Amino acid sequence: MKKKIIIILSFLLLFSCGFEPIYSKKKIENKLNFSINSIEFSGENIINQFLKNNLKSYVNIESKPIKYHLSINSKKITTITSKNKKGNPELFYMKIIINLGVYKDGILKKSTALEDGFEYKNKSNKFELEKYEKSISKNIASRLAKNIIDQLY
Protein backbone atom coordinates (compact mmCIF):
# COMPACT_ATOMS: atom_id res chain seq x y z
CA MET A 1 0.00 0.00 0.00
CA LYS A 2 2.83 2.40 0.90
CA LYS A 3 4.63 1.65 -2.36
CA LYS A 4 1.54 2.48 -4.40
CA ILE A 5 1.07 5.78 -2.58
CA ILE A 6 4.74 6.71 -3.02
CA ILE A 7 4.62 5.89 -6.74
CA ILE A 8 1.42 7.89 -7.28
CA LEU A 9 2.75 10.88 -5.33
CA SER A 10 6.07 10.82 -7.18
CA PHE A 11 4.27 10.81 -10.56
CA LEU A 12 2.06 13.68 -9.48
CA LEU A 13 5.01 15.71 -8.25
CA LEU A 14 7.20 15.07 -11.26
CA PHE A 15 4.62 15.59 -13.99
CA SER A 16 2.71 18.49 -12.50
CA CYS A 17 5.67 20.62 -11.45
CA GLY A 18 5.43 22.78 -14.61
CA PHE A 19 9.03 22.20 -15.71
CA GLU A 20 9.85 23.97 -18.95
CA PRO A 21 13.36 24.44 -20.36
CA ILE A 22 14.58 28.04 -20.15
CA TYR A 23 16.25 28.05 -23.54
CA SER A 24 13.75 25.98 -25.49
CA LYS A 25 13.60 27.04 -29.12
CA LYS A 26 9.84 27.53 -29.08
CA LYS A 27 9.99 29.79 -26.03
CA ILE A 28 12.84 31.89 -27.45
CA GLU A 29 11.15 32.35 -30.84
CA ASN A 30 7.94 33.53 -29.17
CA LYS A 31 9.71 36.09 -26.97
CA LEU A 32 12.10 37.54 -29.54
CA ASN A 33 10.53 40.13 -31.79
CA PHE A 34 13.54 40.82 -34.01
CA SER A 35 15.31 39.37 -36.99
CA ILE A 36 18.78 39.99 -38.40
CA ASN A 37 18.61 41.10 -42.03
CA SER A 38 22.33 40.98 -42.71
CA ILE A 39 25.65 40.69 -40.93
CA GLU A 40 28.83 42.42 -42.07
CA PHE A 41 31.98 40.75 -40.74
CA SER A 42 35.55 41.99 -40.51
CA GLY A 43 38.59 40.79 -38.58
CA GLU A 44 39.39 37.17 -37.73
CA ASN A 45 37.88 34.80 -40.32
CA ILE A 46 37.69 31.77 -38.03
CA ILE A 47 35.93 33.69 -35.25
CA ASN A 48 33.57 35.26 -37.78
CA GLN A 49 32.65 31.83 -39.17
CA PHE A 50 31.83 30.53 -35.67
CA LEU A 51 29.72 33.63 -34.98
CA LYS A 52 27.92 33.25 -38.31
CA ASN A 53 27.04 29.64 -37.52
CA ASN A 54 25.69 30.59 -34.08
CA LEU A 55 23.63 33.53 -35.37
CA LYS A 56 22.17 31.89 -38.50
CA SER A 57 18.94 30.85 -36.76
CA TYR A 58 18.11 34.54 -36.22
CA VAL A 59 18.76 35.66 -39.80
CA ASN A 60 15.88 36.58 -42.16
CA ILE A 61 12.87 35.58 -40.09
CA GLU A 62 10.03 37.16 -42.04
CA SER A 63 7.42 37.11 -39.26
CA LYS A 64 9.40 39.37 -36.89
CA PRO A 65 8.62 43.10 -37.01
CA ILE A 66 12.04 44.52 -36.06
CA LYS A 67 14.87 44.06 -38.57
CA TYR A 68 18.50 44.72 -37.65
CA HIS A 69 21.73 44.95 -39.63
CA LEU A 70 24.85 43.95 -37.68
CA SER A 71 28.41 45.08 -38.17
CA ILE A 72 30.87 42.80 -36.36
CA ASN A 73 34.62 43.36 -36.08
CA SER A 74 36.43 40.55 -34.26
CA LYS A 75 39.95 40.36 -32.88
CA LYS A 76 41.74 37.45 -31.19
CA ILE A 77 44.63 38.13 -28.81
CA THR A 78 46.74 35.30 -27.41
CA THR A 79 49.28 36.18 -24.73
CA ILE A 80 51.75 34.17 -22.65
CA THR A 81 50.86 34.48 -18.97
CA SER A 82 53.47 32.17 -17.47
CA LYS A 83 56.85 30.72 -18.46
CA ASN A 84 58.98 27.96 -16.92
CA LYS A 85 62.63 28.32 -15.78
CA LYS A 86 63.90 27.67 -19.32
CA GLY A 87 61.74 30.46 -20.75
CA ASN A 88 59.26 28.17 -22.49
CA PRO A 89 55.58 29.20 -22.22
CA GLU A 90 53.44 27.22 -19.76
CA LEU A 91 50.17 29.17 -19.69
CA PHE A 92 48.42 31.12 -22.42
CA TYR A 93 45.45 33.48 -22.27
CA MET A 94 43.21 33.84 -25.31
CA LYS A 95 40.92 36.85 -25.45
CA ILE A 96 38.40 37.58 -28.19
CA ILE A 97 37.11 41.12 -28.58
CA ILE A 98 34.07 41.89 -30.70
CA ASN A 99 33.02 45.39 -31.68
CA LEU A 100 29.31 45.23 -32.43
CA GLY A 101 27.35 47.85 -34.33
CA VAL A 102 23.56 47.46 -34.47
CA TYR A 103 21.77 49.32 -37.24
CA LYS A 104 18.03 49.70 -37.74
CA ASP A 105 16.85 51.35 -40.96
CA GLY A 106 20.39 52.54 -41.67
CA ILE A 107 20.73 54.35 -38.32
CA LEU A 108 23.24 53.22 -35.70
CA LYS A 109 21.18 52.18 -32.66
CA LYS A 110 23.86 50.66 -30.47
CA SER A 111 27.60 50.21 -30.49
CA THR A 112 29.26 47.96 -27.91
CA ALA A 113 32.45 46.04 -27.34
CA LEU A 114 32.09 42.47 -26.06
CA GLU A 115 35.01 40.40 -24.85
CA ASP A 116 35.59 37.01 -23.33
CA GLY A 117 38.71 35.01 -22.58
CA PHE A 118 40.11 31.72 -21.39
CA GLU A 119 43.41 30.63 -19.83
CA TYR A 120 44.90 27.28 -20.85
CA LYS A 121 48.08 25.23 -20.49
CA ASN A 122 50.66 24.67 -23.19
CA LYS A 123 50.87 21.25 -24.83
CA SER A 124 54.03 19.54 -26.00
CA ASN A 125 52.46 18.56 -29.31
CA LYS A 126 51.92 21.72 -31.37
CA PHE A 127 49.25 20.09 -33.54
CA GLU A 128 47.23 19.23 -30.42
CA LEU A 129 47.76 22.77 -29.12
CA GLU A 130 46.43 24.22 -32.37
CA LYS A 131 43.37 21.95 -32.24
CA TYR A 132 42.76 22.90 -28.61
CA GLU A 133 43.05 26.61 -29.42
CA LYS A 134 40.50 26.17 -32.22
CA SER A 135 38.02 24.52 -29.85
CA ILE A 136 38.59 27.29 -27.29
CA SER A 137 37.91 29.88 -30.00
CA LYS A 138 34.72 28.07 -30.94
CA ASN A 139 33.49 27.99 -27.33
CA ILE A 140 34.29 31.66 -26.72
CA ALA A 141 32.60 32.62 -30.00
CA SER A 142 29.43 30.74 -29.04
CA ARG A 143 29.34 32.54 -25.66
CA LEU A 144 29.82 35.87 -27.42
CA ALA A 145 27.04 35.03 -29.89
CA LYS A 146 24.70 34.51 -26.93
CA ASN A 147 25.81 37.90 -25.61
CA ILE A 148 25.03 39.46 -28.99
CA ILE A 149 21.51 38.02 -28.90
CA ASP A 150 21.10 39.31 -25.36
CA GLN A 151 22.18 42.77 -26.53
CA LEU A 152 19.61 42.69 -29.34
CA TYR A 153 16.86 41.42 -27.05
Foldseek 3Di string as FASTA:
>chain_A
DVVVVVVVVVVCCVPVVPDDDPPDPVVVVVPDQEAEAEEAEEEDPLLVVLLCVLRVVRHDDPRHDFYKYKYKYKYKDKDQDDADPVRHGFKIKIKMKIWIFIDGPNDTDDTDIDMDMDMDTDDPDVVVVVVVVSVRSSVRSNVVSVVVVVVSD
